[in-house]
Structure formats: C-alpha cells, structure tokens
Amino acid sequence: MERRPIRKGFSIMEDNIDDDEHSMSMASCADYRPARFRSELLLPHAEDELVKDAASAIRQEFRDCSKWKRLRCRNVSVFAERDRGPVYVVHVGKSIDFDWTWEG
C-alpha cells in the first residue's frame, strides 16, 4: 500500500471567482451542498484493544475539557487597547489548567 501524506488546508472555493458569482442568491441557497473531503490518515493497523483504549481516552479527554467551571471574578483590568476595542484580563484568584495542545 502506497503511503501519501495527510492533506490539509482544503478550500471549498475556487481561486478565480467573480464577485457576482460569489454572492449567494435565494436560488443558490436551495442548491447548497456542504463540501466533503476524504480522510486518508493511512494509520498502521492496530490491535482492537489498543483502538478501544484510544477511543476511551479521547472520550474522557473530551468530558474533562468540556466541564463547566464556576469562577469568581476578583478583578477586571484592561490588558491592551486595540482598534477593535480593549482586551480585558479577568482575574479569578486561582489558576485554571487548559490543554491547548489537544487536537481532537
């Protein structure tokens, strides 16, 4: 089996589209179909038990990261002024751990 790299960054629009074609009318909304792309991860074969363990770990990670957390706002301060408006810092008096590396 030939291995090919994972393809990323699909675009659902063509590069050369006129503004008239790009604007959606009511007729084109009725004809709308979501874009679909094949997933070709080409992962090696694994034992069923390993796949079940991975699926369980992914479910647990999702549950852990989607739990509501009750926080008390201690203070709010302006972090930066931007042309789109200020960026605020909300001080909650304790640390919060987020897993920003997870790509599920």
N, C-alpha and C. Protein backbone atom coordinates (compact mmCIF):
# COMPACT_ATOMS: atom_id res chain seq x y z
N MET A 1 0.84 -1.18 0.00
CA MET A 1 0.00 0.00 0.00
C MET A 1 0.89 1.24 0.00
N GLU A 2 0.63 2.14 -0.90
CA GLU A 2 1.41 3.37 -1.01
C GLU A 2 0.98 4.36 0.07
N ARG A 3 1.96 4.94 0.75
CA ARG A 3 1.66 5.94 1.78
C ARG A 3 1.77 7.32 1.19
N ARG A 4 0.72 8.11 1.39
CA ARG A 4 0.72 9.50 0.96
C ARG A 4 0.54 10.38 2.17
N PRO A 5 1.08 11.58 2.16
CA PRO A 5 0.93 12.46 3.33
C PRO A 5 -0.51 12.89 3.52
N ILE A 6 -0.82 13.23 4.76
CA ILE A 6 -2.15 13.74 5.08
C ILE A 6 -2.31 15.10 4.40
N ARG A 7 -3.42 15.28 3.71
CA ARG A 7 -3.65 16.55 3.03
C ARG A 7 -4.39 17.49 3.96
N LYS A 8 -3.91 18.72 4.05
CA LYS A 8 -4.53 19.72 4.92
C LYS A 8 -4.87 20.96 4.12
N GLY A 9 -5.72 21.78 4.69
CA GLY A 9 -5.99 23.09 4.13
C GLY A 9 -6.85 23.09 2.88
N PHE A 10 -7.87 22.26 2.83
CA PHE A 10 -8.76 22.27 1.68
C PHE A 10 -9.55 23.56 1.63
N SER A 11 -9.82 24.03 0.47
CA SER A 11 -10.65 25.21 0.29
C SER A 11 -11.88 24.80 -0.50
N ILE A 12 -13.04 25.29 -0.08
CA ILE A 12 -14.26 24.91 -0.80
C ILE A 12 -14.55 25.88 -1.95
N MET A 13 -13.74 26.92 -2.08
CA MET A 13 -13.95 27.88 -3.16
C MET A 13 -12.78 27.86 -4.13
N GLU A 14 -13.06 28.13 -5.36
CA GLU A 14 -12.01 28.22 -6.35
C GLU A 14 -11.33 29.57 -6.23
N ASP A 15 -10.09 29.66 -6.73
CA ASP A 15 -9.32 30.90 -6.61
C ASP A 15 -9.88 32.04 -7.46
N ASN A 16 -10.38 31.73 -8.63
CA ASN A 16 -10.83 32.77 -9.56
C ASN A 16 -12.36 32.84 -9.59
N ILE A 17 -12.92 33.54 -8.64
CA ILE A 17 -14.38 33.68 -8.58
C ILE A 17 -14.72 35.16 -8.68
N ASP A 18 -15.62 35.48 -9.59
CA ASP A 18 -16.08 36.86 -9.71
C ASP A 18 -16.99 37.19 -8.55
N ASP A 19 -17.09 38.49 -8.22
CA ASP A 19 -17.95 38.92 -7.11
C ASP A 19 -19.40 38.55 -7.36
N ASP A 20 -19.85 38.61 -8.63
CA ASP A 20 -21.24 38.27 -8.94
C ASP A 20 -21.51 36.80 -8.65
N GLU A 21 -20.55 35.94 -8.99
CA GLU A 21 -20.72 34.52 -8.73
C GLU A 21 -20.65 34.23 -7.24
N HIS A 22 -19.85 35.00 -6.54
CA HIS A 22 -19.60 34.74 -5.13
C HIS A 22 -20.80 35.08 -4.24
N SER A 23 -21.59 36.08 -4.62
CA SER A 23 -22.74 36.46 -3.80
C SER A 23 -23.82 35.39 -3.95
N MET A 24 -24.38 35.01 -2.79
CA MET A 24 -25.38 33.93 -2.82
C MET A 24 -26.78 34.51 -2.98
N SER A 25 -27.54 33.92 -3.85
CA SER A 25 -28.94 34.31 -4.02
C SER A 25 -29.81 33.24 -3.38
N MET A 26 -31.10 33.48 -3.31
CA MET A 26 -32.01 32.51 -2.72
C MET A 26 -31.99 31.20 -3.49
N ALA A 27 -31.85 31.27 -4.81
CA ALA A 27 -31.83 30.06 -5.62
C ALA A 27 -30.60 29.22 -5.30
N SER A 28 -29.44 29.87 -5.12
CA SER A 28 -28.23 29.11 -4.85
C SER A 28 -28.23 28.53 -3.44
N CYS A 29 -28.95 29.16 -2.50
CA CYS A 29 -29.06 28.61 -1.15
C CYS A 29 -29.78 27.26 -1.17
N ALA A 30 -30.79 27.15 -2.02
CA ALA A 30 -31.54 25.90 -2.11
C ALA A 30 -30.67 24.79 -2.69
N ASP A 31 -29.70 25.15 -3.51
CA ASP A 31 -28.81 24.17 -4.13
C ASP A 31 -27.56 23.90 -3.30
N TYR A 32 -27.45 24.52 -2.15
CA TYR A 32 -26.24 24.40 -1.32
C TYR A 32 -26.02 22.97 -0.87
N ARG A 33 -24.80 22.51 -1.02
CA ARG A 33 -24.38 21.21 -0.50
C ARG A 33 -23.08 21.40 0.25
N PRO A 34 -22.94 20.87 1.45
CA PRO A 34 -21.70 21.04 2.19
C PRO A 34 -20.54 20.35 1.47
N ALA A 35 -19.36 20.92 1.60
CA ALA A 35 -18.17 20.32 1.00
C ALA A 35 -17.79 19.07 1.78
N ARG A 36 -17.33 18.08 1.08
CA ARG A 36 -16.88 16.84 1.72
C ARG A 36 -15.53 16.46 1.14
N PHE A 37 -14.66 15.97 2.01
CA PHE A 37 -13.33 15.55 1.59
C PHE A 37 -13.02 14.21 2.23
N ARG A 38 -12.31 13.39 1.50
CA ARG A 38 -11.94 12.08 2.03
C ARG A 38 -10.87 12.25 3.10
N SER A 39 -10.93 11.43 4.10
CA SER A 39 -9.90 11.41 5.14
C SER A 39 -8.97 10.24 4.84
N GLU A 40 -7.75 10.54 4.55
CA GLU A 40 -6.77 9.50 4.26
C GLU A 40 -5.64 9.61 5.27
N LEU A 41 -5.86 9.08 6.46
CA LEU A 41 -4.85 9.18 7.50
C LEU A 41 -3.74 8.15 7.34
N LEU A 42 -4.06 7.03 6.70
CA LEU A 42 -3.09 5.96 6.46
C LEU A 42 -2.37 5.54 7.74
N LEU A 43 -3.16 5.31 8.76
CA LEU A 43 -2.60 4.85 10.03
C LEU A 43 -2.26 3.37 9.93
N PRO A 44 -1.24 2.93 10.64
CA PRO A 44 -0.92 1.49 10.60
C PRO A 44 -2.00 0.69 11.32
N HIS A 45 -2.09 -0.58 11.01
CA HIS A 45 -3.06 -1.46 11.65
C HIS A 45 -2.71 -1.59 13.13
N ALA A 46 -3.72 -1.62 13.97
CA ALA A 46 -3.50 -1.77 15.42
C ALA A 46 -4.47 -2.82 15.96
N GLU A 47 -4.09 -3.39 17.09
CA GLU A 47 -4.95 -4.37 17.74
C GLU A 47 -6.24 -3.70 18.20
N ASP A 48 -7.32 -4.46 18.21
CA ASP A 48 -8.63 -3.92 18.61
C ASP A 48 -8.59 -3.32 20.01
N GLU A 49 -7.86 -3.96 20.92
CA GLU A 49 -7.79 -3.47 22.30
C GLU A 49 -7.15 -2.08 22.37
N LEU A 50 -6.11 -1.84 21.55
CA LEU A 50 -5.47 -0.53 21.52
C LEU A 50 -6.41 0.54 20.99
N VAL A 51 -7.19 0.19 19.97
CA VAL A 51 -8.15 1.14 19.40
C VAL A 51 -9.24 1.47 20.43
N LYS A 52 -9.72 0.46 21.15
CA LYS A 52 -10.73 0.70 22.19
C LYS A 52 -10.18 1.58 23.30
N ASP A 53 -8.92 1.33 23.71
CA ASP A 53 -8.30 2.16 24.75
C ASP A 53 -8.15 3.61 24.29
N ALA A 54 -7.76 3.80 23.04
CA ALA A 54 -7.61 5.16 22.50
C ALA A 54 -8.96 5.86 22.44
N ALA A 55 -10.00 5.15 22.01
CA ALA A 55 -11.34 5.74 21.95
C ALA A 55 -11.81 6.14 23.34
N SER A 56 -11.54 5.31 24.33
CA SER A 56 -11.93 5.62 25.70
C SER A 56 -11.18 6.85 26.21
N ALA A 57 -9.89 6.95 25.91
CA ALA A 57 -9.09 8.10 26.34
C ALA A 57 -9.58 9.39 25.69
N ILE A 58 -9.96 9.32 24.42
CA ILE A 58 -10.46 10.51 23.71
C ILE A 58 -11.79 10.96 24.31
N ARG A 59 -12.68 10.01 24.61
CA ARG A 59 -13.95 10.37 25.24
C ARG A 59 -13.73 11.03 26.60
N GLN A 60 -12.81 10.47 27.40
CA GLN A 60 -12.54 11.02 28.72
C GLN A 60 -11.93 12.42 28.61
N GLU A 61 -11.02 12.61 27.66
CA GLU A 61 -10.41 13.94 27.45
C GLU A 61 -11.49 14.95 27.07
N PHE A 62 -12.41 14.56 26.21
CA PHE A 62 -13.49 15.46 25.81
C PHE A 62 -14.36 15.83 27.01
N ARG A 63 -14.71 14.83 27.83
CA ARG A 63 -15.52 15.11 29.02
C ARG A 63 -14.80 16.06 29.97
N ASP A 64 -13.51 15.82 30.18
CA ASP A 64 -12.74 16.65 31.11
C ASP A 64 -12.64 18.09 30.63
N CYS A 65 -12.46 18.29 29.33
CA CYS A 65 -12.25 19.65 28.83
C CYS A 65 -13.57 20.39 28.62
N SER A 66 -14.70 19.69 28.63
CA SER A 66 -15.96 20.37 28.38
C SER A 66 -16.81 20.54 29.65
N LYS A 67 -16.20 20.32 30.81
CA LYS A 67 -16.94 20.54 32.06
C LYS A 67 -17.02 22.02 32.36
N TRP A 68 -18.16 22.41 32.92
CA TRP A 68 -18.32 23.80 33.35
C TRP A 68 -17.49 24.04 34.59
N LYS A 69 -16.90 25.21 34.68
CA LYS A 69 -16.12 25.59 35.85
C LYS A 69 -16.70 26.87 36.43
N ARG A 70 -17.01 26.85 37.71
CA ARG A 70 -17.55 28.04 38.37
C ARG A 70 -16.38 28.87 38.89
N LEU A 71 -16.30 30.11 38.44
CA LEU A 71 -15.21 31.00 38.82
C LEU A 71 -15.79 32.27 39.43
N ARG A 72 -15.04 32.85 40.35
CA ARG A 72 -15.42 34.15 40.92
C ARG A 72 -14.49 35.21 40.39
N CYS A 73 -15.08 36.22 39.83
CA CYS A 73 -14.29 37.33 39.29
C CYS A 73 -13.81 38.21 40.44
N ARG A 74 -12.49 38.31 40.61
CA ARG A 74 -11.91 39.15 41.67
C ARG A 74 -11.66 40.57 41.18
N ASN A 75 -11.29 40.68 39.90
CA ASN A 75 -10.96 41.99 39.35
C ASN A 75 -10.94 41.89 37.83
N VAL A 76 -11.18 43.00 37.16
CA VAL A 76 -11.08 43.08 35.70
C VAL A 76 -10.18 44.26 35.38
N SER A 77 -9.20 44.03 34.51
CA SER A 77 -8.31 45.12 34.12
C SER A 77 -8.13 45.12 32.61
N VAL A 78 -7.78 46.28 32.07
CA VAL A 78 -7.53 46.41 30.64
C VAL A 78 -6.12 45.93 30.35
N PHE A 79 -5.99 44.97 29.46
CA PHE A 79 -4.69 44.43 29.09
C PHE A 79 -4.08 45.22 27.94
N ALA A 80 -4.89 45.55 26.94
CA ALA A 80 -4.39 46.29 25.78
C ALA A 80 -5.55 47.01 25.11
N GLU A 81 -5.25 48.13 24.49
CA GLU A 81 -6.24 48.87 23.69
C GLU A 81 -5.96 48.57 22.23
N ARG A 82 -6.97 48.13 21.52
CA ARG A 82 -6.84 47.81 20.09
C ARG A 82 -7.82 48.67 19.31
N ASP A 83 -7.65 48.70 17.98
CA ASP A 83 -8.58 49.47 17.15
C ASP A 83 -9.98 48.87 17.18
N ARG A 84 -10.09 47.58 17.48
CA ARG A 84 -11.41 46.93 17.57
C ARG A 84 -11.98 47.00 18.98
N GLY A 85 -11.23 47.58 19.91
CA GLY A 85 -11.71 47.68 21.28
C GLY A 85 -10.67 47.15 22.25
N PRO A 86 -10.94 47.31 23.53
CA PRO A 86 -9.96 46.87 24.54
C PRO A 86 -9.96 45.35 24.73
N VAL A 87 -8.82 44.84 25.19
CA VAL A 87 -8.69 43.44 25.58
C VAL A 87 -8.60 43.42 27.11
N TYR A 88 -9.46 42.68 27.75
CA TYR A 88 -9.54 42.67 29.20
C TYR A 88 -8.90 41.41 29.79
N VAL A 89 -8.42 41.53 31.01
CA VAL A 89 -7.96 40.40 31.81
C VAL A 89 -8.96 40.23 32.94
N VAL A 90 -9.46 39.02 33.10
CA VAL A 90 -10.38 38.71 34.19
C VAL A 90 -9.60 37.92 35.23
N HIS A 91 -9.43 38.50 36.41
CA HIS A 91 -8.68 37.87 37.50
C HIS A 91 -9.65 37.03 38.32
N VAL A 92 -9.36 35.73 38.43
CA VAL A 92 -10.26 34.82 39.14
C VAL A 92 -9.67 34.31 40.45
N GLY A 93 -8.45 34.70 40.80
CA GLY A 93 -7.88 34.35 42.09
C GLY A 93 -7.31 32.96 42.19
N LYS A 94 -7.32 32.19 41.12
CA LYS A 94 -6.69 30.87 41.13
C LYS A 94 -6.30 30.51 39.72
N SER A 95 -5.52 29.46 39.58
CA SER A 95 -5.09 29.06 38.24
C SER A 95 -6.09 28.07 37.65
N ILE A 96 -6.16 28.08 36.34
CA ILE A 96 -7.04 27.18 35.60
C ILE A 96 -6.18 26.48 34.56
N ASP A 97 -6.24 25.17 34.50
CA ASP A 97 -5.45 24.42 33.52
C ASP A 97 -6.31 24.11 32.31
N PHE A 98 -5.81 24.50 31.15
CA PHE A 98 -6.45 24.16 29.88
C PHE A 98 -5.43 23.41 29.05
N ASP A 99 -5.86 22.39 28.34
CA ASP A 99 -4.97 21.66 27.45
C ASP A 99 -5.10 22.26 26.06
N TRP A 100 -4.26 23.23 25.75
CA TRP A 100 -4.32 23.92 24.46
C TRP A 100 -3.69 23.09 23.34
N THR A 101 -3.02 22.00 23.68
CA THR A 101 -2.34 21.20 22.66
C THR A 101 -3.24 20.13 22.07
N TRP A 102 -4.41 19.91 22.66
CA TRP A 102 -5.28 18.83 22.20
C TRP A 102 -5.91 19.17 20.86
N GLU A 103 -5.76 18.28 19.90
CA GLU A 103 -6.38 18.46 18.58
C GLU A 103 -7.23 17.24 18.31
N GLY A 104 -8.44 17.25 18.78
CA GLY A 104 -9.30 16.08 18.71
C GLY A 104 -10.10 15.99 17.53
